Amino acid sequence: MKSVLTTLCYIERDGKYLMLHRTKKKNDPSHDLWLGLGGHFERGESPEDCVKREVLEESGLTMNDPQLRGIVTFSDENFYEYMFLFSCKDFCGELNSCDEGELCWVEKDRVFNELPIWTGDRVFLKLMDMGEPFFSLKLTYFKKELICTELNGKPADPDKIIRGVL
């Protein structure tokens, strides 16, 4: 079973997240979904090195103070992914085009309630929005459906988290 290390960052400005509408990569399991920015580690990178490089490559923005918010473990029938989840409000630079899709500033409420995103993303975005301190989240999928959620090593109801009830 394949295992990968990744980062993901939600850059915030004026009540909005910078979102990537993934439309340009072939064979992308997240095709036509909206996500934050990030990607795979390169040899020798720390989580901070990786997320800063990926955000710069995908957006042209330089993050001055990314905040590590949690570690998310994804599993499905084919792989494990360990993702370091960041948020960032302190950045500079000019937004450029991205070869993976369209970049847009989207109101947080629209991200939670309207955009097509992974169910598990709704869970960790809600945890971040509620100010949950550093957390460990395990999301188990089967055929792209979320079937099991654990928060800090304990079973958790994703619908309750999404509604803001911990």
Protein backbone atom coordinates (compact mmCIF):
# COMPACT_ATOMS: atom_id res chain seq x y z
CA MET A 1 0.00 0.00 0.00
CA LYS A 2 1.37 3.40 -1.01
CA SER A 3 2.02 6.09 1.64
CA VAL A 4 2.70 9.77 0.90
CA LEU A 5 3.54 12.95 2.83
CA THR A 6 1.83 16.19 1.84
CA THR A 7 0.99 19.68 3.04
CA LEU A 8 -2.14 21.76 2.59
CA CYS A 9 -2.64 25.42 3.44
CA TYR A 10 -5.67 27.64 3.66
CA ILE A 11 -4.58 31.23 3.11
CA GLU A 12 -7.00 33.72 4.65
CA ARG A 13 -7.80 37.34 3.77
CA ASP A 14 -10.88 39.43 4.57
CA GLY A 15 -13.03 36.45 5.61
CA LYS A 16 -12.08 34.50 2.51
CA TYR A 17 -9.89 31.50 1.69
CA LEU A 18 -7.69 31.31 -1.38
CA MET A 19 -9.09 28.23 -3.10
CA LEU A 20 -7.84 26.17 -6.03
CA HIS A 21 -10.49 24.76 -8.37
CA ARG A 22 -8.67 21.67 -9.62
CA THR A 23 -9.48 21.38 -13.32
CA LYS A 24 -6.22 21.00 -15.26
CA LYS A 25 -4.42 17.82 -14.14
CA LYS A 26 -5.14 14.49 -15.79
CA ASN A 27 -6.09 11.54 -13.56
CA ASP A 28 -6.56 13.88 -10.57
CA PRO A 29 -8.63 12.23 -7.80
CA SER A 30 -9.68 15.76 -6.78
CA HIS A 31 -10.64 16.83 -10.31
CA ASP A 32 -13.31 19.56 -10.31
CA LEU A 33 -13.15 19.91 -6.50
CA TRP A 34 -11.96 22.98 -4.59
CA LEU A 35 -9.00 22.76 -2.20
CA GLY A 36 -6.40 24.87 -0.45
CA LEU A 37 -2.82 24.98 -1.74
CA GLY A 38 -0.13 22.41 -1.12
CA GLY A 39 1.45 19.24 -2.36
CA HIS A 40 4.03 16.52 -1.91
CA PHE A 41 7.24 16.76 0.06
CA GLU A 42 10.56 16.84 -1.73
CA ARG A 43 13.57 15.09 -0.27
CA GLY A 44 14.88 16.78 2.88
CA GLU A 45 11.99 19.23 3.29
CA SER A 46 10.33 20.01 6.60
CA PRO A 47 6.56 20.53 6.59
CA GLU A 48 7.16 24.30 6.64
CA ASP A 49 9.65 24.11 3.75
CA CYS A 50 7.18 22.06 1.71
CA VAL A 51 4.12 24.25 2.29
CA LYS A 52 6.04 27.47 1.60
CA ARG A 53 7.45 26.06 -1.65
CA GLU A 54 4.13 24.64 -2.81
CA VAL A 55 2.18 27.84 -2.08
CA LEU A 56 4.81 29.92 -3.89
CA GLU A 57 4.81 27.56 -6.90
CA GLU A 58 1.00 27.36 -7.12
CA SER A 59 0.11 30.99 -6.38
CA GLY A 60 3.15 33.30 -6.45
CA LEU A 61 2.51 34.20 -2.79
CA THR A 62 5.19 34.09 -0.10
CA MET A 63 3.93 33.06 3.32
CA ASN A 64 5.59 34.93 6.18
CA ASP A 65 4.05 32.99 9.06
CA PRO A 66 2.26 29.72 8.21
CA GLN A 67 0.61 28.13 11.25
CA LEU A 68 0.61 24.34 11.62
CA ARG A 69 -2.96 23.50 12.65
CA GLY A 70 -3.04 19.73 12.56
CA ILE A 71 -2.05 16.43 11.02
CA VAL A 72 -4.63 14.67 8.87
CA THR A 73 -4.31 10.99 7.99
CA PHE A 74 -6.23 9.90 4.92
CA SER A 75 -6.71 6.28 4.04
CA ASP A 76 -8.65 4.40 1.43
CA GLU A 77 -8.41 1.04 -0.25
CA ASN A 78 -5.21 2.00 -2.11
CA PHE A 79 -3.05 4.37 -0.06
CA TYR A 80 -2.27 6.32 3.11
CA GLU A 81 -1.59 10.03 3.08
CA TYR A 82 -0.19 12.00 6.00
CA MET A 83 -0.99 15.67 5.49
CA PHE A 84 0.34 18.58 7.52
CA LEU A 85 -2.47 21.16 7.61
CA PHE A 86 -1.62 24.87 7.77
CA SER A 87 -3.38 28.20 7.75
CA CYS A 88 -1.81 31.56 6.97
CA LYS A 89 -2.92 35.19 7.26
CA ASP A 90 0.50 36.83 6.83
CA PHE A 91 1.71 36.68 3.23
CA CYS A 92 2.95 38.91 0.43
CA GLY A 93 3.32 38.87 -3.33
CA GLU A 94 1.10 38.98 -6.36
CA LEU A 95 -1.28 36.17 -7.20
CA ASN A 96 -0.36 34.42 -10.45
CA SER A 97 -1.99 31.71 -12.53
CA CYS A 98 -1.75 28.07 -11.52
CA ASP A 99 -1.12 25.11 -13.83
CA GLU A 100 -3.42 22.91 -11.71
CA GLY A 101 -6.59 25.01 -11.98
CA GLU A 102 -8.18 28.36 -11.18
CA LEU A 103 -7.29 30.33 -8.04
CA CYS A 104 -10.11 32.33 -6.42
CA TRP A 105 -10.72 34.14 -3.13
CA VAL A 106 -13.92 32.59 -1.79
CA GLU A 107 -15.96 33.61 1.27
CA LYS A 108 -15.57 31.02 4.05
CA ASP A 109 -19.33 30.48 4.23
CA ARG A 110 -19.43 29.58 0.52
CA VAL A 111 -16.51 27.16 0.98
CA PHE A 112 -18.33 25.37 3.82
CA ASN A 113 -21.79 25.33 2.25
CA GLU A 114 -21.64 25.62 -1.53
CA LEU A 115 -18.40 24.52 -3.14
CA PRO A 116 -17.80 20.90 -4.09
CA ILE A 117 -15.09 19.78 -1.64
CA TRP A 118 -14.20 16.49 0.01
CA THR A 119 -16.39 15.70 3.05
CA GLY A 120 -13.28 15.34 5.20
CA ASP A 121 -12.15 18.82 4.15
CA ARG A 122 -15.39 20.21 5.60
CA VAL A 123 -14.47 18.51 8.89
CA PHE A 124 -10.96 19.96 9.23
CA LEU A 125 -11.99 23.37 7.89
CA LYS A 126 -14.69 23.52 10.59
CA LEU A 127 -12.16 22.50 13.26
CA MET A 128 -9.84 25.29 12.12
CA ASP A 129 -12.70 27.80 11.92
CA MET A 130 -13.79 26.95 15.49
CA GLY A 131 -10.24 27.62 16.70
CA GLU A 132 -9.61 24.02 17.68
CA PRO A 133 -6.05 23.76 18.98
CA PHE A 134 -3.59 21.49 17.16
CA PHE A 135 -5.42 18.28 16.26
CA SER A 136 -4.92 14.86 14.72
CA LEU A 137 -7.68 13.79 12.36
CA LYS A 138 -8.00 10.42 10.63
CA LEU A 139 -10.34 10.22 7.65
CA THR A 140 -11.05 6.83 6.09
CA TYR A 141 -12.64 6.71 2.66
CA PHE A 142 -14.06 3.88 0.59
CA LYS A 143 -14.77 4.65 -3.07
CA LYS A 144 -14.49 8.41 -2.34
CA GLU A 145 -17.09 8.25 0.48
CA LEU A 146 -16.04 9.13 4.04
CA ILE A 147 -16.76 6.05 6.15
CA CYS A 148 -14.84 6.65 9.39
CA THR A 149 -13.58 9.70 11.27
CA GLU A 150 -11.32 9.87 14.32
CA LEU A 151 -10.38 13.08 16.13
CA ASN A 152 -7.35 12.91 18.41
CA GLY A 153 -7.49 9.10 18.41
CA LYS A 154 -11.19 8.80 19.27
CA PRO A 155 -14.19 8.05 17.03
CA ALA A 156 -15.92 11.26 15.93
CA ASP A 157 -19.13 12.09 14.12
CA PRO A 158 -18.20 14.20 11.07
CA ASP A 159 -21.73 15.64 10.77
CA LYS A 160 -21.58 16.93 14.36
CA ILE A 161 -18.18 18.54 13.74
CA ILE A 162 -19.41 20.16 10.52
CA ARG A 163 -22.40 21.57 12.46
CA GLY A 164 -19.96 22.91 15.09
CA VAL A 165 -20.82 20.42 17.85
CA LEU A 166 -17.77 18.68 19.28
